Amino acid sequence: DYLCLRDNTDYASISGKITSVSGLIEDDDYKKHLKENIKEYATSKFVLQNNKPYHLGAIARINKNHDRLDSETKSHLEGIKLPFKNPYHNNVAQALELLHLTNKAINMIDNFKPKSESPNIKVKQGHGVSAAEAPRGTLFHEYKINSQGKITYCNIIPPTTQNLNMMEHDITTIVNQALKKNKSKSQIIDEVEKLIRAYDPCFSCSTHFLKVKWL
């Protein structure tokens, strides 16, 4: 499955509905569909959508929102079969987004009309949930604030955490395929490293992430 935001008119980044193969998800209902869990061998939480792993990031956004791309970027998709299903194609999706967002940034700068605004903020008790598209995928924030303006509850689910289950699934798949082809240990490690980097984890994770125990 692929999860991201989808806007009615724009290539979604900070507005829109959470969408997946399972349908639309309201921001406030994210906990009904996304379940965080802890695995004893990891320091990060893992997340499942309706008890299944799922993809986030550029590959999900292109699959769901390619009709919202600008005309120049769309032209580079001619002859390409969508949706992308190969996790390595996430890098291709990132390249397409770079072109689209560069064109969008130029257009915004050319048409920018600054306004003088001074927002009047009044502190009050409240609860809010929001989802936005970070480069690596959908980022969830939830906060509860008391009448003094202090945060009493906070839950953040970053995209890298959400991709971990899918990453593990794909690693298992390519290792099993490599073993059937009698590939060497160094070849298997090389393939696993390429796969993990295709998911675009943080810099430290992409360079110091792999410790293999051969049984």
N, C-alpha and C. Protein backbone atom coordinates (compact mmCIF):
# COMPACT_ATOMS: atom_id res chain seq x y z
N ASP A 1 0.84 -1.19 0.00
CA ASP A 1 0.00 0.00 0.00
C ASP A 1 0.88 1.24 0.00
N TYR A 2 0.33 2.35 -0.47
CA TYR A 2 1.05 3.62 -0.53
C TYR A 2 0.21 4.68 0.16
N LEU A 3 0.82 5.45 1.04
CA LEU A 3 0.10 6.45 1.83
C LEU A 3 0.73 7.81 1.65
N CYS A 4 -0.11 8.82 1.41
CA CYS A 4 0.36 10.20 1.29
C CYS A 4 -0.86 11.12 1.34
N LEU A 5 -0.61 12.42 1.25
CA LEU A 5 -1.70 13.39 1.16
C LEU A 5 -2.12 13.57 -0.30
N ARG A 6 -3.38 13.91 -0.49
CA ARG A 6 -3.87 14.26 -1.82
C ARG A 6 -4.77 15.47 -1.72
N ASP A 7 -4.44 16.48 -2.52
CA ASP A 7 -5.18 17.74 -2.53
C ASP A 7 -6.12 17.77 -3.73
N ASN A 8 -7.17 18.58 -3.64
CA ASN A 8 -8.15 18.65 -4.73
C ASN A 8 -7.57 19.23 -6.01
N THR A 9 -6.58 20.13 -5.88
CA THR A 9 -6.06 20.81 -7.06
C THR A 9 -4.54 20.77 -7.18
N ASP A 10 -3.83 20.77 -6.06
CA ASP A 10 -2.37 20.93 -6.07
C ASP A 10 -1.67 19.60 -5.78
N TYR A 11 -0.36 19.57 -6.08
CA TYR A 11 0.47 18.43 -5.68
C TYR A 11 0.69 18.57 -4.18
N ALA A 12 0.04 17.73 -3.40
CA ALA A 12 -0.12 17.95 -1.96
C ALA A 12 1.20 17.97 -1.21
N SER A 13 1.31 18.93 -0.28
CA SER A 13 2.47 18.98 0.61
C SER A 13 2.05 19.29 2.05
N ILE A 14 1.23 20.32 2.24
CA ILE A 14 0.80 20.66 3.60
C ILE A 14 -0.72 20.65 3.76
N SER A 15 -1.43 20.34 2.70
CA SER A 15 -2.89 20.28 2.80
C SER A 15 -3.40 19.10 2.00
N GLY A 16 -4.60 18.68 2.32
CA GLY A 16 -5.20 17.57 1.60
C GLY A 16 -5.63 16.46 2.54
N LYS A 17 -6.19 15.42 1.98
CA LYS A 17 -6.65 14.26 2.73
C LYS A 17 -5.58 13.17 2.71
N ILE A 18 -5.49 12.43 3.81
CA ILE A 18 -4.60 11.27 3.84
C ILE A 18 -5.25 10.19 2.99
N THR A 19 -4.51 9.69 2.01
CA THR A 19 -5.08 8.71 1.10
C THR A 19 -4.20 7.48 0.97
N SER A 20 -4.83 6.34 0.78
CA SER A 20 -4.13 5.08 0.56
C SER A 20 -5.05 4.17 -0.23
N VAL A 21 -4.57 2.97 -0.54
CA VAL A 21 -5.42 2.01 -1.23
C VAL A 21 -6.66 1.71 -0.40
N SER A 22 -6.52 1.84 0.93
CA SER A 22 -7.63 1.55 1.83
C SER A 22 -8.69 2.65 1.84
N GLY A 23 -8.40 3.79 1.18
CA GLY A 23 -9.36 4.89 1.14
C GLY A 23 -8.84 6.13 1.83
N LEU A 24 -9.72 7.10 2.04
CA LEU A 24 -9.35 8.36 2.67
C LEU A 24 -9.38 8.23 4.19
N ILE A 25 -8.42 8.91 4.83
CA ILE A 25 -8.32 8.89 6.29
C ILE A 25 -8.33 10.33 6.79
N GLU A 26 -9.23 10.66 7.69
CA GLU A 26 -9.23 11.98 8.31
C GLU A 26 -8.05 12.09 9.27
N ASP A 27 -7.47 13.30 9.37
CA ASP A 27 -6.33 13.51 10.27
C ASP A 27 -6.63 13.00 11.68
N ASP A 28 -7.80 13.36 12.20
CA ASP A 28 -8.15 12.99 13.58
C ASP A 28 -8.29 11.48 13.78
N ASP A 29 -8.46 10.74 12.69
CA ASP A 29 -8.68 9.30 12.79
C ASP A 29 -7.41 8.48 12.54
N TYR A 30 -6.24 9.15 12.49
CA TYR A 30 -5.03 8.42 12.10
C TYR A 30 -4.73 7.24 13.02
N LYS A 31 -5.06 7.36 14.32
CA LYS A 31 -4.77 6.27 15.26
C LYS A 31 -5.66 5.05 15.03
N LYS A 32 -6.78 5.25 14.37
CA LYS A 32 -7.66 4.11 14.07
C LYS A 32 -7.06 3.22 12.98
N HIS A 33 -6.20 3.82 12.16
CA HIS A 33 -5.64 3.10 11.02
C HIS A 33 -4.16 2.78 11.17
N LEU A 34 -3.43 3.65 11.89
CA LEU A 34 -1.99 3.47 12.06
C LEU A 34 -1.69 3.05 13.48
N LYS A 35 -1.08 1.90 13.64
CA LYS A 35 -0.76 1.37 14.96
C LYS A 35 0.75 1.30 15.15
N GLU A 36 1.23 2.02 16.18
CA GLU A 36 2.65 1.98 16.53
C GLU A 36 2.93 0.77 17.42
N ASN A 37 4.08 0.14 17.20
CA ASN A 37 4.48 -0.97 18.06
C ASN A 37 5.99 -0.97 18.24
N ILE A 38 6.43 -1.66 19.25
CA ILE A 38 7.85 -1.71 19.60
C ILE A 38 8.37 -3.13 19.37
N LYS A 39 9.56 -3.22 18.78
CA LYS A 39 10.24 -4.51 18.62
C LYS A 39 11.48 -4.51 19.50
N GLU A 40 11.72 -5.63 20.16
CA GLU A 40 12.75 -5.69 21.20
C GLU A 40 14.16 -5.42 20.67
N TYR A 41 14.39 -5.61 19.39
CA TYR A 41 15.73 -5.43 18.84
C TYR A 41 15.97 -4.02 18.30
N ALA A 42 14.96 -3.14 18.37
CA ALA A 42 15.07 -1.82 17.76
C ALA A 42 14.81 -0.71 18.76
N THR A 43 15.42 0.44 18.53
CA THR A 43 15.19 1.62 19.37
C THR A 43 14.07 2.49 18.82
N SER A 44 13.71 2.29 17.56
CA SER A 44 12.63 3.05 16.93
C SER A 44 11.33 2.26 16.99
N LYS A 45 10.23 2.98 17.00
CA LYS A 45 8.93 2.33 16.88
C LYS A 45 8.69 1.91 15.43
N PHE A 46 7.79 0.97 15.26
CA PHE A 46 7.35 0.52 13.94
C PHE A 46 5.86 0.83 13.81
N VAL A 47 5.40 1.00 12.58
CA VAL A 47 4.00 1.38 12.35
C VAL A 47 3.39 0.49 11.27
N LEU A 48 2.17 0.05 11.50
CA LEU A 48 1.39 -0.70 10.52
C LEU A 48 0.11 0.06 10.20
N GLN A 49 -0.31 0.00 8.95
CA GLN A 49 -1.61 0.57 8.55
C GLN A 49 -2.58 -0.59 8.36
N ASN A 50 -3.59 -0.63 9.22
CA ASN A 50 -4.55 -1.73 9.18
C ASN A 50 -3.83 -3.08 9.18
N ASN A 51 -2.80 -3.17 10.05
CA ASN A 51 -2.02 -4.40 10.27
C ASN A 51 -1.14 -4.79 9.08
N LYS A 52 -0.86 -3.85 8.18
CA LYS A 52 0.00 -4.14 7.04
C LYS A 52 1.06 -3.04 6.88
N PRO A 53 2.26 -3.41 6.39
CA PRO A 53 3.28 -2.39 6.10
C PRO A 53 2.88 -1.57 4.89
N TYR A 54 3.46 -0.38 4.74
CA TYR A 54 3.09 0.50 3.63
C TYR A 54 4.25 1.41 3.27
N HIS A 55 4.21 1.92 2.05
CA HIS A 55 5.23 2.84 1.54
C HIS A 55 4.80 4.29 1.77
N LEU A 56 5.82 5.13 2.01
CA LEU A 56 5.63 6.58 2.09
C LEU A 56 6.61 7.27 1.14
N GLY A 57 6.57 8.58 1.13
CA GLY A 57 7.59 9.35 0.43
C GLY A 57 7.27 9.62 -1.03
N ALA A 58 8.33 9.93 -1.78
CA ALA A 58 8.16 10.34 -3.17
C ALA A 58 7.46 9.29 -4.02
N ILE A 59 7.78 8.02 -3.79
CA ILE A 59 7.18 6.95 -4.60
C ILE A 59 5.66 6.90 -4.38
N ALA A 60 5.23 7.12 -3.14
CA ALA A 60 3.79 7.14 -2.85
C ALA A 60 3.13 8.37 -3.46
N ARG A 61 3.80 9.53 -3.33
CA ARG A 61 3.21 10.77 -3.85
C ARG A 61 3.08 10.75 -5.37
N ILE A 62 4.10 10.24 -6.07
CA ILE A 62 4.00 10.15 -7.53
C ILE A 62 2.90 9.18 -7.93
N ASN A 63 2.83 8.05 -7.25
CA ASN A 63 1.79 7.07 -7.57
C ASN A 63 0.38 7.64 -7.40
N LYS A 64 0.20 8.43 -6.34
CA LYS A 64 -1.14 8.95 -6.02
C LYS A 64 -1.45 10.30 -6.66
N ASN A 65 -0.41 11.09 -6.95
CA ASN A 65 -0.64 12.49 -7.34
C ASN A 65 0.02 12.87 -8.67
N HIS A 66 0.38 11.91 -9.50
CA HIS A 66 1.08 12.24 -10.74
C HIS A 66 0.24 13.13 -11.65
N ASP A 67 -1.08 13.08 -11.51
CA ASP A 67 -1.95 13.94 -12.31
C ASP A 67 -1.90 15.39 -11.85
N ARG A 68 -1.26 15.67 -10.72
CA ARG A 68 -1.15 17.04 -10.20
C ARG A 68 0.22 17.67 -10.54
N LEU A 69 1.07 16.94 -11.22
CA LEU A 69 2.39 17.47 -11.59
C LEU A 69 2.26 18.53 -12.68
N ASP A 70 3.26 19.43 -12.77
CA ASP A 70 3.24 20.43 -13.84
C ASP A 70 3.51 19.74 -15.18
N SER A 71 3.23 20.44 -16.26
CA SER A 71 3.27 19.83 -17.59
C SER A 71 4.67 19.34 -17.97
N GLU A 72 5.71 20.09 -17.59
CA GLU A 72 7.07 19.67 -17.94
C GLU A 72 7.41 18.35 -17.25
N THR A 73 7.08 18.25 -15.97
CA THR A 73 7.38 17.02 -15.23
C THR A 73 6.55 15.86 -15.77
N LYS A 74 5.30 16.11 -16.09
CA LYS A 74 4.44 15.06 -16.67
C LYS A 74 5.04 14.49 -17.95
N SER A 75 5.69 15.36 -18.73
CA SER A 75 6.24 14.91 -20.01
C SER A 75 7.30 13.83 -19.82
N HIS A 76 7.98 13.85 -18.68
CA HIS A 76 9.01 12.85 -18.40
C HIS A 76 8.41 11.52 -17.94
N LEU A 77 7.12 11.51 -17.71
CA LEU A 77 6.44 10.27 -17.32
C LEU A 77 5.84 9.53 -18.52
N GLU A 78 5.93 10.14 -19.70
CA GLU A 78 5.38 9.50 -20.90
C GLU A 78 6.10 8.18 -21.16
N GLY A 79 5.32 7.13 -21.33
CA GLY A 79 5.90 5.82 -21.58
C GLY A 79 6.26 5.05 -20.33
N ILE A 80 6.12 5.68 -19.16
CA ILE A 80 6.43 5.01 -17.89
C ILE A 80 5.14 4.45 -17.30
N LYS A 81 5.17 3.20 -16.92
CA LYS A 81 3.99 2.56 -16.36
C LYS A 81 3.89 2.84 -14.87
N LEU A 82 2.76 3.39 -14.48
CA LEU A 82 2.49 3.66 -13.07
C LEU A 82 1.36 2.76 -12.59
N PRO A 83 1.31 2.42 -11.31
CA PRO A 83 2.16 2.93 -10.23
C PRO A 83 3.54 2.27 -10.19
N PHE A 84 4.52 3.01 -9.63
CA PHE A 84 5.81 2.41 -9.32
C PHE A 84 5.61 1.35 -8.24
N LYS A 85 6.18 0.18 -8.44
CA LYS A 85 6.06 -0.88 -7.44
C LYS A 85 7.42 -1.32 -6.90
N ASN A 86 8.47 -0.98 -7.64
CA ASN A 86 9.83 -1.33 -7.23
C ASN A 86 10.35 -0.28 -6.25
N PRO A 87 10.78 -0.65 -5.03
CA PRO A 87 11.24 0.36 -4.06
C PRO A 87 12.43 1.18 -4.56
N TYR A 88 13.23 0.62 -5.47
CA TYR A 88 14.36 1.37 -6.03
C TYR A 88 13.87 2.56 -6.86
N HIS A 89 12.64 2.51 -7.32
CA HIS A 89 12.09 3.61 -8.12
C HIS A 89 11.77 4.84 -7.28
N ASN A 90 11.93 4.72 -5.97
CA ASN A 90 11.75 5.90 -5.11
C ASN A 90 12.70 7.02 -5.52
N ASN A 91 13.92 6.65 -5.96
CA ASN A 91 14.89 7.66 -6.38
C ASN A 91 14.45 8.34 -7.68
N VAL A 92 13.81 7.59 -8.57
CA VAL A 92 13.25 8.18 -9.79
C VAL A 92 12.13 9.15 -9.43
N ALA A 93 11.29 8.73 -8.49
CA ALA A 93 10.19 9.60 -8.03
C ALA A 93 10.74 10.88 -7.40
N GLN A 94 11.83 10.77 -6.65
CA GLN A 94 12.44 11.95 -6.04
C GLN A 94 12.94 12.92 -7.11
N ALA A 95 13.52 12.38 -8.18
CA ALA A 95 14.02 13.23 -9.26
C ALA A 95 12.87 13.98 -9.94
N LEU A 96 11.75 13.29 -10.14
CA LEU A 96 10.57 13.94 -10.73
C LEU A 96 10.06 15.06 -9.82
N GLU A 97 10.05 14.79 -8.51
CA GLU A 97 9.59 15.82 -7.57
C GLU A 97 10.52 17.03 -7.56
N LEU A 98 11.82 16.80 -7.68
CA LEU A 98 12.77 17.92 -7.70
C LEU A 98 12.45 18.87 -8.85
N LEU A 99 12.16 18.30 -10.02
CA LEU A 99 11.82 19.14 -11.17
C LEU A 99 10.51 19.88 -10.93
N HIS A 100 9.48 19.16 -10.50
CA HIS A 100 8.17 19.79 -10.27
C HIS A 100 8.26 20.90 -9.24
N LEU A 101 8.93 20.63 -8.12
CA LEU A 101 8.97 21.61 -7.03
C LEU A 101 9.88 22.79 -7.36
N THR A 102 10.91 22.57 -8.17
CA THR A 102 11.74 23.69 -8.63
C THR A 102 10.91 24.63 -9.50
N ASN A 103 10.15 24.05 -10.41
CA ASN A 103 9.27 24.87 -11.26
C ASN A 103 8.22 25.61 -10.43
N LYS A 104 7.69 24.92 -9.42
CA LYS A 104 6.69 25.54 -8.56
C LYS A 104 7.30 26.69 -7.75
N ALA A 105 8.51 26.50 -7.26
CA ALA A 105 9.18 27.54 -6.47
C ALA A 105 9.44 28.78 -7.32
N ILE A 106 9.88 28.57 -8.56
CA ILE A 106 10.12 29.71 -9.47
C ILE A 106 8.82 30.47 -9.71
N ASN A 107 7.75 29.75 -9.93
CA ASN A 107 6.44 30.38 -10.17
C ASN A 107 5.96 31.15 -8.94
N MET A 108 6.18 30.59 -7.75
CA MET A 108 5.77 31.28 -6.52
C MET A 108 6.56 32.56 -6.32
N ILE A 109 7.86 32.52 -6.61
CA ILE A 109 8.71 33.71 -6.45
C ILE A 109 8.29 34.79 -7.44
N ASP A 110 8.04 34.38 -8.68
CA ASP A 110 7.66 35.35 -9.71
C ASP A 110 6.32 36.03 -9.41
N ASN A 111 5.44 35.32 -8.71
CA ASN A 111 4.09 35.85 -8.45
C ASN A 111 3.86 36.24 -6.99
N PHE A 112 4.94 36.30 -6.22
CA PHE A 112 4.79 36.58 -4.79
C PHE A 112 4.44 38.05 -4.55
N LYS A 113 3.40 38.27 -3.76
CA LYS A 113 2.99 39.62 -3.37
C LYS A 113 2.94 39.67 -1.85
N PRO A 114 3.97 40.26 -1.24
CA PRO A 114 4.04 40.27 0.23
C PRO A 114 2.90 41.05 0.87
N LYS A 115 2.45 40.54 2.01
CA LYS A 115 1.40 41.21 2.77
C LYS A 115 1.91 41.49 4.18
N SER A 116 1.49 42.62 4.72
CA SER A 116 1.85 42.97 6.10
C SER A 116 0.77 42.43 7.03
N GLU A 117 1.12 41.36 7.76
CA GLU A 117 0.14 40.73 8.64
C GLU A 117 0.72 40.56 10.03
N SER A 118 -0.08 40.86 11.04
CA SER A 118 0.31 40.68 12.44
C SER A 118 -0.75 39.81 13.11
N PRO A 119 -0.56 38.50 13.12
CA PRO A 119 -1.58 37.62 13.71
C PRO A 119 -1.77 37.87 15.20
N ASN A 120 -3.00 37.88 15.62
CA ASN A 120 -3.34 38.05 17.03
C ASN A 120 -3.65 36.68 17.62
N ILE A 121 -2.72 36.16 18.41
CA ILE A 121 -2.85 34.81 18.94
C ILE A 121 -3.31 34.85 20.39
N LYS A 122 -4.41 34.17 20.67
CA LYS A 122 -4.92 34.06 22.04
C LYS A 122 -4.72 32.64 22.54
N VAL A 123 -4.08 32.54 23.70
CA VAL A 123 -3.82 31.21 24.27
C VAL A 123 -5.10 30.61 24.81
N LYS A 124 -5.38 29.37 24.41
CA LYS A 124 -6.56 28.68 24.93
C LYS A 124 -6.33 27.17 24.88
N GLN A 125 -7.13 26.47 25.64
CA GLN A 125 -7.02 25.02 25.68
C GLN A 125 -7.47 24.43 24.34
N GLY A 126 -6.78 23.38 23.91
CA GLY A 126 -7.17 22.78 22.64
C GLY A 126 -6.45 21.49 22.33
N HIS A 127 -6.89 20.87 21.26
CA HIS A 127 -6.33 19.61 20.79
C HIS A 127 -6.28 19.66 19.27
N GLY A 128 -5.13 19.31 18.71
CA GLY A 128 -5.01 19.37 17.26
C GLY A 128 -4.18 18.24 16.68
N VAL A 129 -4.57 17.81 15.49
CA VAL A 129 -3.85 16.77 14.75
C VAL A 129 -3.62 17.28 13.34
N SER A 130 -2.42 17.05 12.82
CA SER A 130 -2.13 17.50 11.46
C SER A 130 -1.19 16.51 10.77
N ALA A 131 -1.36 16.40 9.47
CA ALA A 131 -0.46 15.58 8.65
C ALA A 131 0.09 16.45 7.53
N ALA A 132 1.38 16.35 7.28
CA ALA A 132 2.02 17.11 6.21
C ALA A 132 3.03 16.21 5.51
N GLU A 133 3.37 16.58 4.28
CA GLU A 133 4.34 15.79 3.54
C GLU A 133 5.75 16.34 3.75
N ALA A 134 6.57 15.61 4.50
CA ALA A 134 8.00 15.88 4.57
C ALA A 134 8.64 15.19 3.36
N PRO A 135 9.89 15.53 3.01
CA PRO A 135 10.50 14.88 1.84
C PRO A 135 10.45 13.36 1.89
N ARG A 136 10.63 12.77 3.07
CA ARG A 136 10.66 11.31 3.17
C ARG A 136 9.28 10.69 3.34
N GLY A 137 8.24 11.50 3.48
CA GLY A 137 6.90 10.94 3.60
C GLY A 137 6.01 11.72 4.55
N THR A 138 4.85 11.16 4.82
CA THR A 138 3.84 11.83 5.62
C THR A 138 4.25 11.89 7.09
N LEU A 139 4.19 13.09 7.63
CA LEU A 139 4.60 13.37 9.02
C LEU A 139 3.36 13.72 9.83
N PHE A 140 3.15 12.98 10.92
CA PHE A 140 1.98 13.20 11.77
C PHE A 140 2.38 13.92 13.06
N HIS A 141 1.58 14.94 13.43
CA HIS A 141 1.75 15.66 14.69
C HIS A 141 0.41 15.68 15.42
N GLU A 142 0.45 15.43 16.72
CA GLU A 142 -0.75 15.56 17.56
C GLU A 142 -0.36 16.23 18.87
N TYR A 143 -1.13 17.25 19.27
CA TYR A 143 -0.83 17.99 20.50
C TYR A 143 -2.11 18.28 21.29
N LYS A 144 -1.96 18.28 22.60
CA LYS A 144 -2.99 18.79 23.50
C LYS A 144 -2.36 19.92 24.30
N ILE A 145 -3.07 21.05 24.39
CA ILE A 145 -2.56 22.24 25.06
C ILE A 145 -3.56 22.68 26.12
N ASN A 146 -3.04 23.02 27.31
CA ASN A 146 -3.94 23.45 28.38
C ASN A 146 -4.22 24.95 28.29
N SER A 147 -4.99 25.47 29.22
CA SER A 147 -5.41 26.88 29.17
C SER A 147 -4.26 27.85 29.38
N GLN A 148 -3.11 27.35 29.89
CA GLN A 148 -1.93 28.20 30.06
C GLN A 148 -1.03 28.17 28.82
N GLY A 149 -1.44 27.42 27.82
CA GLY A 149 -0.65 27.35 26.60
C GLY A 149 0.47 26.33 26.66
N LYS A 150 0.44 25.46 27.68
CA LYS A 150 1.49 24.45 27.82
C LYS A 150 1.04 23.12 27.19
N ILE A 151 1.98 22.46 26.54
CA ILE A 151 1.69 21.18 25.90
C ILE A 151 1.60 20.08 26.95
N THR A 152 0.47 19.41 27.01
CA THR A 152 0.27 18.33 27.98
C THR A 152 0.37 16.95 27.33
N TYR A 153 0.29 16.91 26.00
CA TYR A 153 0.42 15.63 25.29
C TYR A 153 0.98 15.91 23.90
N CYS A 154 1.89 15.05 23.47
CA CYS A 154 2.47 15.20 22.13
C CYS A 154 2.76 13.82 21.55
N ASN A 155 2.37 13.63 20.31
CA ASN A 155 2.71 12.39 19.60
C ASN A 155 3.13 12.75 18.18
N ILE A 156 4.34 12.35 17.81
CA ILE A 156 4.88 12.62 16.49
C ILE A 156 5.26 11.29 15.84
N ILE A 157 4.78 11.06 14.63
CA ILE A 157 5.16 9.85 13.89
C ILE A 157 5.90 10.29 12.62
N PRO A 158 7.22 10.20 12.60
CA PRO A 158 7.99 10.61 11.42
C PRO A 158 7.92 9.56 10.32
N PRO A 159 8.16 9.96 9.08
CA PRO A 159 8.04 9.02 7.96
C PRO A 159 9.03 7.86 8.00
N THR A 160 10.26 8.12 8.45
CA THR A 160 11.25 7.03 8.49
C THR A 160 10.76 5.89 9.37
N THR A 161 10.14 6.22 10.50
CA THR A 161 9.59 5.20 11.38
C THR A 161 8.52 4.38 10.66
N GLN A 162 7.69 5.05 9.89
CA GLN A 162 6.60 4.36 9.20
C GLN A 162 7.10 3.45 8.08
N ASN A 163 8.26 3.78 7.52
CA ASN A 163 8.80 2.97 6.43
C ASN A 163 9.52 1.71 6.90
N LEU A 164 9.79 1.59 8.20
CA LEU A 164 10.64 0.50 8.68
C LEU A 164 10.06 -0.88 8.40
N ASN A 165 8.78 -1.07 8.61
CA ASN A 165 8.18 -2.38 8.35
C ASN A 165 8.30 -2.77 6.88
N MET A 166 8.04 -1.81 5.99
CA MET A 166 8.16 -2.09 4.56
C MET A 166 9.60 -2.38 4.18
N MET A 167 10.52 -1.65 4.80
CA MET A 167 11.94 -1.86 4.55
C MET A 167 12.36 -3.27 4.95
N GLU A 168 11.92 -3.70 6.13
CA GLU A 168 12.24 -5.05 6.59
C GLU A 168 11.67 -6.11 5.64
N HIS A 169 10.44 -5.89 5.20
CA HIS A 169 9.79 -6.82 4.27
C HIS A 169 10.60 -6.96 2.98
N ASP A 170 11.04 -5.81 2.43
CA ASP A 170 11.79 -5.84 1.17
C ASP A 170 13.18 -6.42 1.35
N ILE A 171 13.81 -6.17 2.50
CA ILE A 171 15.12 -6.77 2.78
C ILE A 171 15.01 -8.30 2.81
N THR A 172 13.99 -8.80 3.49
CA THR A 172 13.77 -10.25 3.55
C THR A 172 13.60 -10.83 2.15
N THR A 173 12.86 -10.11 1.30
CA THR A 173 12.61 -10.58 -0.06
C THR A 173 13.89 -10.67 -0.87
N ILE A 174 14.71 -9.60 -0.86
CA ILE A 174 15.91 -9.61 -1.71
C ILE A 174 16.98 -10.55 -1.17
N VAL A 175 17.05 -10.72 0.15
CA VAL A 175 18.02 -11.67 0.71
C VAL A 175 17.65 -13.10 0.31
N ASN A 176 16.38 -13.43 0.40
CA ASN A 176 15.93 -14.77 -0.02
C ASN A 176 16.21 -15.00 -1.51
N GLN A 177 15.98 -13.98 -2.32
CA GLN A 177 16.25 -14.10 -3.75
C GLN A 177 17.75 -14.29 -4.00
N ALA A 178 18.57 -13.53 -3.26
CA ALA A 178 20.03 -13.62 -3.43
C ALA A 178 20.56 -14.98 -3.01
N LEU A 179 20.02 -15.52 -1.93
CA LEU A 179 20.45 -16.84 -1.46
C LEU A 179 20.11 -17.93 -2.48
N LYS A 180 18.95 -17.82 -3.11
CA LYS A 180 18.56 -18.80 -4.12
C LYS A 180 19.47 -18.74 -5.34
N LYS A 181 20.05 -17.55 -5.59
CA LYS A 181 20.96 -17.37 -6.73
C LYS A 181 22.41 -17.61 -6.33
N ASN A 182 22.63 -18.06 -5.07
CA ASN A 182 23.97 -18.36 -4.56
C ASN A 182 24.92 -17.17 -4.63
N LYS A 183 24.39 -15.98 -4.36
CA LYS A 183 25.23 -14.79 -4.34
C LYS A 183 26.12 -14.80 -3.10
N SER A 184 27.27 -14.15 -3.21
CA SER A 184 28.23 -14.10 -2.11
C SER A 184 27.73 -13.18 -1.00
N LYS A 185 28.36 -13.28 0.17
CA LYS A 185 27.98 -12.43 1.29
C LYS A 185 28.16 -10.95 0.94
N SER A 186 29.25 -10.62 0.27
CA SER A 186 29.50 -9.22 -0.08
C SER A 186 28.47 -8.71 -1.08
N GLN A 187 28.03 -9.56 -1.99
CA GLN A 187 27.00 -9.16 -2.96
C GLN A 187 25.66 -8.94 -2.26
N ILE A 188 25.35 -9.80 -1.31
CA ILE A 188 24.09 -9.65 -0.57
C ILE A 188 24.09 -8.36 0.24
N ILE A 189 25.21 -8.09 0.93
CA ILE A 189 25.32 -6.85 1.71
C ILE A 189 25.17 -5.63 0.81
N ASP A 190 25.80 -5.68 -0.37
CA ASP A 190 25.72 -4.56 -1.31
C ASP A 190 24.27 -4.31 -1.74
N GLU A 191 23.52 -5.38 -2.01
CA GLU A 191 22.13 -5.23 -2.43
C GLU A 191 21.27 -4.66 -1.30
N VAL A 192 21.50 -5.12 -0.08
CA VAL A 192 20.73 -4.62 1.06
C VAL A 192 21.02 -3.14 1.30
N GLU A 193 22.29 -2.75 1.17
CA GLU A 193 22.65 -1.34 1.36
C GLU A 193 21.97 -0.46 0.31
N LYS A 194 21.96 -0.92 -0.93
CA LYS A 194 21.32 -0.13 -2.00
C LYS A 194 19.82 0.01 -1.75
N LEU A 195 19.21 -1.06 -1.28
CA LEU A 195 17.77 -1.01 -1.00
C LEU A 195 17.45 -0.02 0.11
N ILE A 196 18.20 -0.10 1.20
CA ILE A 196 17.93 0.79 2.33
C ILE A 196 18.14 2.24 1.94
N ARG A 197 19.17 2.52 1.15
CA ARG A 197 19.41 3.90 0.73
C ARG A 197 18.34 4.38 -0.24
N ALA A 198 17.73 3.47 -0.98
CA ALA A 198 16.63 3.87 -1.86
C ALA A 198 15.45 4.40 -1.06
N TYR A 199 15.30 3.91 0.17
CA TYR A 199 14.25 4.40 1.06
C TYR A 199 14.59 5.78 1.63
N ASP A 200 15.83 6.22 1.45
CA ASP A 200 16.27 7.55 1.89
C ASP A 200 16.06 7.78 3.38
N PRO A 201 16.69 6.93 4.23
CA PRO A 201 16.65 7.24 5.67
C PRO A 201 17.53 8.44 5.97
N CYS A 202 17.65 8.82 7.24
CA CYS A 202 18.48 9.97 7.61
C CYS A 202 19.94 9.68 7.27
N PHE A 203 20.79 10.72 7.28
CA PHE A 203 22.19 10.55 6.87
C PHE A 203 22.92 9.52 7.72
N SER A 204 22.73 9.58 9.03
CA SER A 204 23.44 8.63 9.90
C SER A 204 22.96 7.21 9.65
N CYS A 205 21.66 7.05 9.38
CA CYS A 205 21.12 5.71 9.11
C CYS A 205 21.59 5.18 7.76
N SER A 206 21.81 6.07 6.81
CA SER A 206 22.19 5.63 5.47
C SER A 206 23.67 5.29 5.35
N THR A 207 24.46 5.69 6.35
CA THR A 207 25.91 5.43 6.29
C THR A 207 26.40 4.46 7.35
N HIS A 208 25.72 4.38 8.48
CA HIS A 208 26.17 3.51 9.58
C HIS A 208 25.04 2.62 10.05
N PHE A 209 24.41 1.92 9.13
CA PHE A 209 23.16 1.27 9.49
C PHE A 209 23.20 -0.25 9.49
N LEU A 210 24.21 -0.86 8.85
CA LEU A 210 24.12 -2.29 8.57
C LEU A 210 25.17 -3.09 9.33
N LYS A 211 24.69 -3.97 10.18
CA LYS A 211 25.55 -4.92 10.89
C LYS A 211 24.94 -6.29 10.68
N VAL A 212 25.66 -7.15 9.97
CA VAL A 212 25.11 -8.44 9.55
C VAL A 212 25.63 -9.56 10.45
N LYS A 213 24.72 -10.41 10.89
CA LYS A 213 25.07 -11.64 11.61
C LYS A 213 24.74 -12.82 10.70
N TRP A 214 25.76 -13.51 10.27
CA TRP A 214 25.55 -14.67 9.40
C TRP A 214 25.36 -15.92 10.25
N LEU A 215 24.29 -16.67 10.03
CA LEU A 215 23.98 -17.86 10.81
C LEU A 215 24.36 -19.13 10.05
